[in-house]
Amino acid sequence: MNDGTRPLENSIRTDFHDAMSYGRYLDLDRILGAQHPQSRPEHHDELLFIIQHQTSELWLKLILHELRESRRLLDVDDLGKALKGLARVKTALRTLIEQWSVLSTLTPREYAEFRGSLGSSSGFQSFQYRAVEFILGNKNARLLDVFTSEPDAHAMLAELLAEPTLYDAFLRALDRAGYAIPADILERDVATPWVFRQDLVPDFTQIYESPETPWVLYQACEDLVDVEDSVQMWRFRHLRTVQRTIGFKTGTGGSSGVSFLQRALDLTFFPELYAVRTEIGR
């Protein structure tokens, strides 16, 4: 007689006392036990707020992991594998962008009821987000001061501050491929933020216009633009989510809030790859 229960296949393992299980492999006890709402009494919607930011940090960890590997692969001229990593970065960024839709279900009144429990904590203090910005080129040594109370985070950011960016690695790969990258760019102080260089635009114009350009170089330029567009979309969705939730209040970490996030939209990682659009076809 069929009682409606789906039978287990005989080969499916059910005893994990002495074997690796799904939960142990993923360390789910720690992950699922890492949400600690601070509101008292505990506010129903604080769990959403915590999970939103914890999952964002996991995706940022993967993005940083892939950006570092793509930079290494560019250093050894393995552009194909480097672009595979950037494709994964772009997909992860799309997931991060869409996550704002979940947080946007939090109404201003709901957030106001537990916002005070955050104290001085703020997304501005995300060392992994800052690490992603550093490796993409938006470096600022003063930001290390935010992480003096977190030695590991401070050490990671100090290391990335002193290392070449993904763009530095790409420009060096172009130089080895025969493009006329100015020597002072190849020898620049990589701890400083990238600033626009008009003298790079002819190189990119050649890459985009010449039928002799290896496809992988053209694709690399477009993938870098895709990455920047995705980061900018993430910044914009962040700004709009904050604006619809708290309006123009000051941020919990002391920033001016929406106006501070608005200024971030002016930051760019690969300005020459946008400037070249004006030159193509002239």
C-alpha atoms as a PDB file:
ATOM      1  CA  MET A   1       0.000   0.000   0.000  1.00  0.00           C
ATOM      2  CA  ASN A   2       1.355   3.470  -0.960  1.00  0.00           C
ATOM      3  CA  ASP A   3       1.198   5.735   2.114  1.00  0.00           C
ATOM      4  CA  GLY A   4       2.494   8.757   0.186  1.00  0.00           C
ATOM      5  CA  THR A   5       5.991   8.574   1.672  1.00  0.00           C
ATOM      6  CA  ARG A   6       8.837   8.808  -0.799  1.00  0.00           C
ATOM      7  CA  PRO A   7      11.051   5.761  -0.234  1.00  0.00           C
ATOM      8  CA  LEU A   8      14.779   6.263   0.261  1.00  0.00           C
ATOM      9  CA  GLU A   9      17.076   4.561  -2.198  1.00  0.00           C
ATOM     10  CA  ASN A  10      18.985   1.742  -0.520  1.00  0.00           C
ATOM     11  CA  SER A  11      22.306   3.373  -1.438  1.00  0.00           C
ATOM     12  CA  ILE A  12      21.564   6.600   0.478  1.00  0.00           C
ATOM     13  CA  ARG A  13      23.668   6.851   3.623  1.00  0.00           C
ATOM     14  CA  THR A  14      21.842   7.666   6.845  1.00  0.00           C
ATOM     15  CA  ASP A  15      24.464   7.067   9.541  1.00  0.00           C
ATOM     16  CA  PHE A  16      27.042   9.837   9.897  1.00  0.00           C
ATOM     17  CA  HIS A  17      28.403   9.142  13.367  1.00  0.00           C
ATOM     18  CA  ASP A  18      31.824   8.350  11.899  1.00  0.00           C
ATOM     19  CA  ALA A  19      31.573  10.045   8.494  1.00  0.00           C
ATOM     20  CA  MET A  20      31.568  13.537   7.036  1.00  0.00           C
ATOM     21  CA  SER A  21      28.056  14.967   6.881  1.00  0.00           C
ATOM     22  CA  TYR A  22      26.688  17.979   5.023  1.00  0.00           C
ATOM     23  CA  GLY A  23      26.346  19.974   8.240  1.00  0.00           C
ATOM     24  CA  ARG A  24      29.866  19.216   9.449  1.00  0.00           C
ATOM     25  CA  TYR A  25      31.429  19.933   6.049  1.00  0.00           C
ATOM     26  CA  LEU A  26      29.786  23.373   5.979  1.00  0.00           C
ATOM     27  CA  ASP A  27      30.262  23.959   9.722  1.00  0.00           C
ATOM     28  CA  LEU A  28      26.563  24.767   9.931  1.00  0.00           C
ATOM     29  CA  ASP A  29      26.445  24.691  13.727  1.00  0.00           C
ATOM     30  CA  ARG A  30      28.682  27.766  13.803  1.00  0.00           C
ATOM     31  CA  ILE A  31      27.186  29.477  10.766  1.00  0.00           C
ATOM     32  CA  LEU A  32      23.555  29.079  11.867  1.00  0.00           C
ATOM     33  CA  GLY A  33      24.467  29.932  15.432  1.00  0.00           C
ATOM     34  CA  ALA A  34      26.250  33.159  14.455  1.00  0.00           C
ATOM     35  CA  GLN A  35      23.165  35.401  14.458  1.00  0.00           C
ATOM     36  CA  HIS A  36      22.954  37.302  17.738  1.00  0.00           C
ATOM     37  CA  PRO A  37      20.265  40.006  17.715  1.00  0.00           C
ATOM     38  CA  GLN A  38      21.038  42.781  20.194  1.00  0.00           C
ATOM     39  CA  SER A  39      17.572  44.289  20.551  1.00  0.00           C
ATOM     40  CA  ARG A  40      15.706  43.644  23.823  1.00  0.00           C
ATOM     41  CA  PRO A  41      13.121  42.394  23.561  1.00  0.00           C
ATOM     42  CA  GLU A  42      14.412  40.779  20.405  1.00  0.00           C
ATOM     43  CA  HIS A  43      12.899  42.456  17.360  1.00  0.00           C
ATOM     44  CA  HIS A  44      11.548  40.081  14.724  1.00  0.00           C
ATOM     45  CA  ASP A  45      13.209  41.903  11.789  1.00  0.00           C
ATOM     46  CA  GLU A  46      16.707  42.140  13.235  1.00  0.00           C
ATOM     47  CA  LEU A  47      17.437  38.602  12.025  1.00  0.00           C
ATOM     48  CA  LEU A  48      16.887  39.739   8.427  1.00  0.00           C
ATOM     49  CA  PHE A  49      19.304  42.626   8.927  1.00  0.00           C
ATOM     50  CA  ILE A  50      22.006  40.341  10.351  1.00  0.00           C
ATOM     51  CA  ILE A  51      21.638  37.615   7.714  1.00  0.00           C
ATOM     52  CA  GLN A  52      21.693  40.190   4.913  1.00  0.00           C
ATOM     53  CA  HIS A  53      25.067  41.474   6.047  1.00  0.00           C
ATOM     54  CA  GLN A  54      26.553  38.112   6.987  1.00  0.00           C
ATOM     55  CA  THR A  55      25.750  36.614   3.588  1.00  0.00           C
ATOM     56  CA  SER A  56      27.146  39.741   1.918  1.00  0.00           C
ATOM     57  CA  GLU A  57      30.408  39.180   3.774  1.00  0.00           C
ATOM     58  CA  LEU A  58      30.550  35.579   2.528  1.00  0.00           C
ATOM     59  CA  TRP A  59      30.132  36.737  -1.071  1.00  0.00           C
ATOM     60  CA  LEU A  60      32.766  39.437  -0.518  1.00  0.00           C
ATOM     61  CA  LYS A  61      35.130  36.742   0.736  1.00  0.00           C
ATOM     62  CA  LEU A  62      34.639  34.818  -2.509  1.00  0.00           C
ATOM     63  CA  ILE A  63      34.997  37.960  -4.648  1.00  0.00           C
ATOM     64  CA  LEU A  64      38.280  38.876  -2.961  1.00  0.00           C
ATOM     65  CA  HIS A  65      39.488  35.279  -3.350  1.00  0.00           C
ATOM     66  CA  GLU A  66      38.760  35.380  -7.095  1.00  0.00           C
ATOM     67  CA  LEU A  67      40.219  38.855  -7.627  1.00  0.00           C
ATOM     68  CA  ARG A  68      43.476  37.837  -5.992  1.00  0.00           C
ATOM     69  CA  GLU A  69      43.680  34.726  -8.173  1.00  0.00           C
ATOM     70  CA  SER A  70      42.844  36.691 -11.326  1.00  0.00           C
ATOM     71  CA  ARG A  71      45.613  39.146 -10.478  1.00  0.00           C
ATOM     72  CA  ARG A  72      48.065  36.267 -10.030  1.00  0.00           C
ATOM     73  CA  LEU A  73      47.034  34.753 -13.351  1.00  0.00           C
ATOM     74  CA  LEU A  74      47.504  38.095 -15.105  1.00  0.00           C
ATOM     75  CA  ASP A  75      51.017  38.213 -13.648  1.00  0.00           C
ATOM     76  CA  VAL A  76      51.854  34.953 -15.431  1.00  0.00           C
ATOM     77  CA  ASP A  77      50.012  35.926 -18.648  1.00  0.00           C
ATOM     78  CA  ASP A  78      47.284  33.320 -18.243  1.00  0.00           C
ATOM     79  CA  LEU A  79      44.556  35.707 -19.361  1.00  0.00           C
ATOM     80  CA  GLY A  80      42.026  33.021 -20.187  1.00  0.00           C
ATOM     81  CA  LYS A  81      41.907  31.682 -16.630  1.00  0.00           C
ATOM     82  CA  ALA A  82      42.040  35.220 -15.233  1.00  0.00           C
ATOM     83  CA  LEU A  83      38.891  36.091 -17.176  1.00  0.00           C
ATOM     84  CA  LYS A  84      37.199  32.936 -15.904  1.00  0.00           C
ATOM     85  CA  GLY A  85      37.735  34.278 -12.387  1.00  0.00           C
ATOM     86  CA  LEU A  86      36.368  37.690 -13.359  1.00  0.00           C
ATOM     87  CA  ALA A  87      33.271  36.008 -14.774  1.00  0.00           C
ATOM     88  CA  ARG A  88      32.681  34.469 -11.351  1.00  0.00           C
ATOM     89  CA  VAL A  89      33.256  37.857  -9.696  1.00  0.00           C
ATOM     90  CA  LYS A  90      30.641  39.449 -11.950  1.00  0.00           C
ATOM     91  CA  THR A  91      28.097  36.761 -11.110  1.00  0.00           C
ATOM     92  CA  ALA A  92      28.735  37.091  -7.373  1.00  0.00           C
ATOM     93  CA  LEU A  93      28.341  40.863  -7.644  1.00  0.00           C
ATOM     94  CA  ARG A  94      24.965  40.410  -9.328  1.00  0.00           C
ATOM     95  CA  THR A  95      23.906  38.296  -6.367  1.00  0.00           C
ATOM     96  CA  LEU A  96      25.046  41.015  -3.962  1.00  0.00           C
ATOM     97  CA  ILE A  97      23.116  43.624  -5.927  1.00  0.00           C
ATOM     98  CA  GLU A  98      19.925  41.582  -5.832  1.00  0.00           C
ATOM     99  CA  GLN A  99      20.265  41.022  -2.070  1.00  0.00           C
ATOM    100  CA  TRP A 100      19.359  44.662  -1.511  1.00  0.00           C
ATOM    101  CA  SER A 101      15.851  43.731  -2.656  1.00  0.00           C
ATOM    102  CA  VAL A 102      15.498  41.488   0.382  1.00  0.00           C
ATOM    103  CA  LEU A 103      16.666  44.173   2.805  1.00  0.00           C
ATOM    104  CA  SER A 104      14.327  46.657   1.127  1.00  0.00           C
ATOM    105  CA  THR A 105      11.397  44.701   2.566  1.00  0.00           C
ATOM    106  CA  LEU A 106      12.417  46.207   5.921  1.00  0.00           C
ATOM    107  CA  THR A 107      10.222  49.260   6.472  1.00  0.00           C
ATOM    108  CA  PRO A 108      11.517  52.502   8.030  1.00  0.00           C
ATOM    109  CA  ARG A 109       9.430  51.921  11.168  1.00  0.00           C
ATOM    110  CA  GLU A 110      10.662  48.336  11.569  1.00  0.00           C
ATOM    111  CA  TYR A 111      14.300  49.363  11.254  1.00  0.00           C
ATOM    112  CA  ALA A 112      13.867  52.318  13.589  1.00  0.00           C
ATOM    113  CA  GLU A 113      12.639  49.938  16.282  1.00  0.00           C
ATOM    114  CA  PHE A 114      16.003  48.138  16.542  1.00  0.00           C
ATOM    115  CA  ARG A 115      18.486  50.501  14.867  1.00  0.00           C
ATOM    116  CA  GLY A 116      19.716  51.777  18.225  1.00  0.00           C
ATOM    117  CA  SER A 117      20.902  48.252  19.058  1.00  0.00           C
ATOM    118  CA  LEU A 118      23.588  48.510  16.361  1.00  0.00           C
ATOM    119  CA  GLY A 119      25.518  50.987  18.473  1.00  0.00           C
ATOM    120  CA  SER A 120      28.425  52.380  16.437  1.00  0.00           C
ATOM    121  CA  SER A 121      28.640  49.394  14.077  1.00  0.00           C
ATOM    122  CA  SER A 122      28.323  50.223  10.392  1.00  0.00           C
ATOM    123  CA  GLY A 123      28.880  48.663   6.981  1.00  0.00           C
ATOM    124  CA  PHE A 124      31.610  51.284   6.550  1.00  0.00           C
ATOM    125  CA  GLN A 125      33.639  49.049   8.852  1.00  0.00           C
ATOM    126  CA  SER A 126      33.502  46.052   6.479  1.00  0.00           C
ATOM    127  CA  PHE A 127      37.183  45.234   5.994  1.00  0.00           C
ATOM    128  CA  GLN A 128      36.381  42.807   3.191  1.00  0.00           C
ATOM    129  CA  TYR A 129      34.519  45.443   1.195  1.00  0.00           C
ATOM    130  CA  ARG A 130      37.459  47.767   1.758  1.00  0.00           C
ATOM    131  CA  ALA A 131      39.809  44.995   0.607  1.00  0.00           C
ATOM    132  CA  VAL A 132      37.832  44.609  -2.630  1.00  0.00           C
ATOM    133  CA  GLU A 133      38.049  48.359  -3.203  1.00  0.00           C
ATOM    134  CA  PHE A 134      41.801  48.277  -2.543  1.00  0.00           C
ATOM    135  CA  ILE A 135      42.546  45.477  -5.000  1.00  0.00           C
ATOM    136  CA  LEU A 136      40.434  47.235  -7.637  1.00  0.00           C
ATOM    137  CA  GLY A 137      42.379  50.475  -7.153  1.00  0.00           C
ATOM    138  CA  ASN A 138      40.476  52.695  -4.718  1.00  0.00           C
ATOM    139  CA  LYS A 139      43.229  52.846  -2.109  1.00  0.00           C
ATOM    140  CA  ASN A 140      43.244  55.130   0.917  1.00  0.00           C
ATOM    141  CA  ALA A 141      45.855  54.580   3.638  1.00  0.00           C
ATOM    142  CA  ARG A 142      43.816  56.653   6.123  1.00  0.00           C
ATOM    143  CA  LEU A 143      41.129  53.981   6.143  1.00  0.00           C
ATOM    144  CA  LEU A 144      43.502  51.623   7.926  1.00  0.00           C
ATOM    145  CA  ASP A 145      42.821  53.674  11.065  1.00  0.00           C
ATOM    146  CA  VAL A 146      39.282  52.253  11.151  1.00  0.00           C
ATOM    147  CA  PHE A 147      40.710  48.755  11.718  1.00  0.00           C
ATOM    148  CA  THR A 148      43.323  49.310  14.419  1.00  0.00           C
ATOM    149  CA  SER A 149      41.146  47.360  16.862  1.00  0.00           C
ATOM    150  CA  GLU A 150      41.099  44.374  14.460  1.00  0.00           C
ATOM    151  CA  PRO A 151      44.737  43.307  13.905  1.00  0.00           C
ATOM    152  CA  ASP A 152      44.001  40.636  11.287  1.00  0.00           C
ATOM    153  CA  ALA A 153      41.827  42.955   9.212  1.00  0.00           C
ATOM    154  CA  HIS A 154      44.375  45.746   9.542  1.00  0.00           C
ATOM    155  CA  ALA A 155      47.178  43.420   8.403  1.00  0.00           C
ATOM    156  CA  MET A 156      45.194  42.235   5.374  1.00  0.00           C
ATOM    157  CA  LEU A 157      44.425  45.781   4.270  1.00  0.00           C
ATOM    158  CA  ALA A 158      47.999  46.955   4.846  1.00  0.00           C
ATOM    159  CA  GLU A 159      49.169  44.085   2.648  1.00  0.00           C
ATOM    160  CA  LEU A 160      46.706  44.914  -0.131  1.00  0.00           C
ATOM    161  CA  LEU A 161      47.595  48.593   0.131  1.00  0.00           C
ATOM    162  CA  ALA A 162      51.228  47.755  -0.647  1.00  0.00           C
ATOM    163  CA  GLU A 163      50.433  45.307  -3.458  1.00  0.00           C
ATOM    164  CA  PRO A 164      49.658  46.047  -7.131  1.00  0.00           C
ATOM    165  CA  THR A 165      45.996  46.271  -8.041  1.00  0.00           C
ATOM    166  CA  LEU A 166      44.201  44.097 -10.567  1.00  0.00           C
ATOM    167  CA  TYR A 167      44.509  46.991 -13.038  1.00  0.00           C
ATOM    168  CA  ASP A 168      48.256  47.263 -12.400  1.00  0.00           C
ATOM    169  CA  ALA A 169      48.576  43.577 -13.215  1.00  0.00           C
ATOM    170  CA  PHE A 170      46.543  44.015 -16.409  1.00  0.00           C
ATOM    171  CA  LEU A 171      48.607  46.996 -17.573  1.00  0.00           C
ATOM    172  CA  ARG A 172      51.803  45.055 -16.969  1.00  0.00           C
ATOM    173  CA  ALA A 173      50.386  42.171 -18.999  1.00  0.00           C
ATOM    174  CA  LEU A 174      49.608  44.625 -21.819  1.00  0.00           C
ATOM    175  CA  ASP A 175      53.174  45.912 -21.667  1.00  0.00           C
ATOM    176  CA  ARG A 176      54.519  42.364 -22.035  1.00  0.00           C
ATOM    177  CA  ALA A 177      52.121  41.887 -24.961  1.00  0.00           C
ATOM    178  CA  GLY A 178      53.795  44.783 -26.789  1.00  0.00           C
ATOM    179  CA  TYR A 179      51.628  47.786 -25.950  1.00  0.00           C
ATOM    180  CA  ALA A 180      53.363  51.070 -25.125  1.00  0.00           C
ATOM    181  CA  ILE A 181      52.521  51.386 -21.430  1.00  0.00           C
ATOM    182  CA  PRO A 182      54.475  54.379 -20.037  1.00  0.00           C
ATOM    183  CA  ALA A 183      57.352  53.345 -17.767  1.00  0.00           C
ATOM    184  CA  ASP A 184      56.252  55.599 -14.908  1.00  0.00           C
ATOM    185  CA  ILE A 185      52.922  53.742 -14.799  1.00  0.00           C
ATOM    186  CA  LEU A 186      54.658  50.378 -14.599  1.00  0.00           C
ATOM    187  CA  GLU A 187      56.865  51.717 -11.790  1.00  0.00           C
ATOM    188  CA  ARG A 188      54.230  53.751  -9.955  1.00  0.00           C
ATOM    189  CA  ASP A 189      53.680  53.708  -6.188  1.00  0.00           C
ATOM    190  CA  VAL A 190      50.955  51.065  -6.029  1.00  0.00           C
ATOM    191  CA  ALA A 191      49.937  52.150  -2.524  1.00  0.00           C
ATOM    192  CA  THR A 192      48.374  55.287  -4.001  1.00  0.00           C
ATOM    193  CA  PRO A 193      44.924  55.432  -5.598  1.00  0.00           C
ATOM    194  CA  TRP A 194      44.734  55.218  -9.356  1.00  0.00           C
ATOM    195  CA  VAL A 195      44.275  58.519 -11.188  1.00  0.00           C
ATOM    196  CA  PHE A 196      43.230  58.950 -14.804  1.00  0.00           C
ATOM    197  CA  ARG A 197      46.008  58.762 -17.394  1.00  0.00           C
ATOM    198  CA  GLN A 198      45.173  60.231 -20.776  1.00  0.00           C
ATOM    199  CA  ASP A 199      48.326  58.706 -22.283  1.00  0.00           C
ATOM    200  CA  LEU A 200      46.851  55.212 -21.814  1.00  0.00           C
ATOM    201  CA  VAL A 201      43.821  55.947 -23.969  1.00  0.00           C
ATOM    202  CA  PRO A 202      45.678  55.428 -27.306  1.00  0.00           C
ATOM    203  CA  ASP A 203      46.640  51.922 -26.202  1.00  0.00           C
ATOM    204  CA  PHE A 204      43.045  51.068 -25.415  1.00  0.00           C
ATOM    205  CA  THR A 205      41.884  52.693 -28.654  1.00  0.00           C
ATOM    206  CA  GLN A 206      44.229  50.354 -30.511  1.00  0.00           C
ATOM    207  CA  ILE A 207      42.918  47.350 -28.604  1.00  0.00           C
ATOM    208  CA  TYR A 208      39.315  48.219 -29.416  1.00  0.00           C
ATOM    209  CA  GLU A 209      39.797  49.298 -33.026  1.00  0.00           C
ATOM    210  CA  SER A 210      42.470  47.008 -34.425  1.00  0.00           C
ATOM    211  CA  PRO A 211      41.291  43.796 -36.110  1.00  0.00           C
ATOM    212  CA  GLU A 212      44.629  42.299 -35.046  1.00  0.00           C
ATOM    213  CA  THR A 213      43.837  42.574 -31.345  1.00  0.00           C
ATOM    214  CA  PRO A 214      43.835  39.163 -29.641  1.00  0.00           C
ATOM    215  CA  TRP A 215      40.268  38.528 -28.551  1.00  0.00           C
ATOM    216  CA  VAL A 216      41.314  37.800 -24.975  1.00  0.00           C
ATOM    217  CA  LEU A 217      42.667  41.367 -24.568  1.00  0.00           C
ATOM    218  CA  TYR A 218      39.470  42.908 -25.887  1.00  0.00           C
ATOM    219  CA  GLN A 219      37.433  40.648 -23.620  1.00  0.00           C
ATOM    220  CA  ALA A 220      39.606  41.553 -20.629  1.00  0.00           C
ATOM    221  CA  CYS A 221      38.847  45.237 -21.160  1.00  0.00           C
ATOM    222  CA  GLU A 222      35.124  44.549 -21.346  1.00  0.00           C
ATOM    223  CA  ASP A 223      35.207  42.283 -18.286  1.00  0.00           C
ATOM    224  CA  LEU A 224      36.911  45.000 -16.247  1.00  0.00           C
ATOM    225  CA  VAL A 225      34.198  47.449 -17.325  1.00  0.00           C
ATOM    226  CA  ASP A 226      31.574  44.875 -16.325  1.00  0.00           C
ATOM    227  CA  VAL A 227      33.159  44.551 -12.877  1.00  0.00           C
ATOM    228  CA  GLU A 228      33.191  48.312 -12.371  1.00  0.00           C
ATOM    229  CA  ASP A 229      29.602  48.667 -13.586  1.00  0.00           C
ATOM    230  CA  SER A 230      28.538  45.968 -11.130  1.00  0.00           C
ATOM    231  CA  VAL A 231      30.311  47.636  -8.199  1.00  0.00           C
ATOM    232  CA  GLN A 232      28.695  50.940  -9.126  1.00  0.00           C
ATOM    233  CA  MET A 233      25.279  49.276  -9.291  1.00  0.00           C
ATOM    234  CA  TRP A 234      25.910  47.750  -5.852  1.00  0.00           C
ATOM    235  CA  ARG A 235      26.830  51.191  -4.495  1.00  0.00           C
ATOM    236  CA  PHE A 236      23.695  52.700  -6.021  1.00  0.00           C
ATOM    237  CA  ARG A 237      21.400  50.013  -4.641  1.00  0.00           C
ATOM    238  CA  HIS A 238      23.059  50.481  -1.236  1.00  0.00           C
ATOM    239  CA  LEU A 239      22.408  54.205  -1.384  1.00  0.00           C
ATOM    240  CA  ARG A 240      18.776  53.773  -2.413  1.00  0.00           C
ATOM    241  CA  THR A 241      18.108  51.130   0.226  1.00  0.00           C
ATOM    242  CA  VAL A 242      19.566  53.381   2.915  1.00  0.00           C
ATOM    243  CA  GLN A 243      17.584  56.357   1.650  1.00  0.00           C
ATOM    244  CA  ARG A 244      14.273  54.496   1.638  1.00  0.00           C
ATOM    245  CA  THR A 245      14.936  53.085   5.120  1.00  0.00           C
ATOM    246  CA  ILE A 246      16.446  55.964   7.116  1.00  0.00           C
ATOM    247  CA  GLY A 247      16.149  58.966   4.800  1.00  0.00           C
ATOM    248  CA  PHE A 248      18.944  61.450   5.432  1.00  0.00           C
ATOM    249  CA  LYS A 249      19.810  60.474   8.994  1.00  0.00           C
ATOM    250  CA  THR A 250      23.460  60.249  10.036  1.00  0.00           C
ATOM    251  CA  GLY A 251      24.973  56.776   9.655  1.00  0.00           C
ATOM    252  CA  THR A 252      25.456  54.615  12.743  1.00  0.00           C
ATOM    253  CA  GLY A 253      29.235  54.701  12.171  1.00  0.00           C
ATOM    254  CA  GLY A 254      29.305  58.503  12.118  1.00  0.00           C
ATOM    255  CA  SER A 255      29.153  59.139   8.362  1.00  0.00           C
ATOM    256  CA  SER A 256      26.748  61.625   6.829  1.00  0.00           C
ATOM    257  CA  GLY A 257      24.726  58.711   5.475  1.00  0.00           C
ATOM    258  CA  VAL A 258      23.153  59.099   2.049  1.00  0.00           C
ATOM    259  CA  SER A 259      25.347  62.033   0.991  1.00  0.00           C
ATOM    260  CA  PHE A 260      28.454  60.020   1.924  1.00  0.00           C
ATOM    261  CA  LEU A 261      27.245  57.103  -0.186  1.00  0.00           C
ATOM    262  CA  GLN A 262      26.383  59.490  -3.027  1.00  0.00           C
ATOM    263  CA  ARG A 263      29.998  60.672  -3.220  1.00  0.00           C
ATOM    264  CA  ALA A 264      31.171  57.066  -3.582  1.00  0.00           C
ATOM    265  CA  LEU A 265      29.440  56.942  -6.966  1.00  0.00           C
ATOM    266  CA  ASP A 266      32.080  59.359  -8.267  1.00  0.00           C
ATOM    267  CA  LEU A 267      34.876  56.868  -7.555  1.00  0.00           C
ATOM    268  CA  THR A 268      36.100  54.902 -10.562  1.00  0.00           C
ATOM    269  CA  PHE A 269      38.573  52.052 -10.940  1.00  0.00           C
ATOM    270  CA  PHE A 270      39.339  51.956 -14.661  1.00  0.00           C
ATOM    271  CA  PRO A 271      38.650  55.465 -16.033  1.00  0.00           C
ATOM    272  CA  GLU A 272      40.623  54.953 -19.263  1.00  0.00           C
ATOM    273  CA  LEU A 273      38.326  52.081 -20.245  1.00  0.00           C
ATOM    274  CA  TYR A 274      35.433  54.528 -20.190  1.00  0.00           C
ATOM    275  CA  ALA A 275      37.333  57.423 -21.778  1.00  0.00           C
ATOM    276  CA  VAL A 276      38.269  55.252 -24.754  1.00  0.00           C
ATOM    277  CA  ARG A 277      34.601  55.084 -25.784  1.00  0.00           C
ATOM    278  CA  THR A 278      34.830  58.720 -26.873  1.00  0.00           C
ATOM    279  CA  GLU A 279      37.789  57.957 -29.116  1.00  0.00           C
ATOM    280  CA  ILE A 280      36.543  54.800 -30.833  1.00  0.00           C
ATOM    281  CA  GLY A 281      35.475  55.480 -34.414  1.00  0.00           C
ATOM    282  CA  ARG A 282      36.718  59.082 -34.547  1.00  0.00           C
END
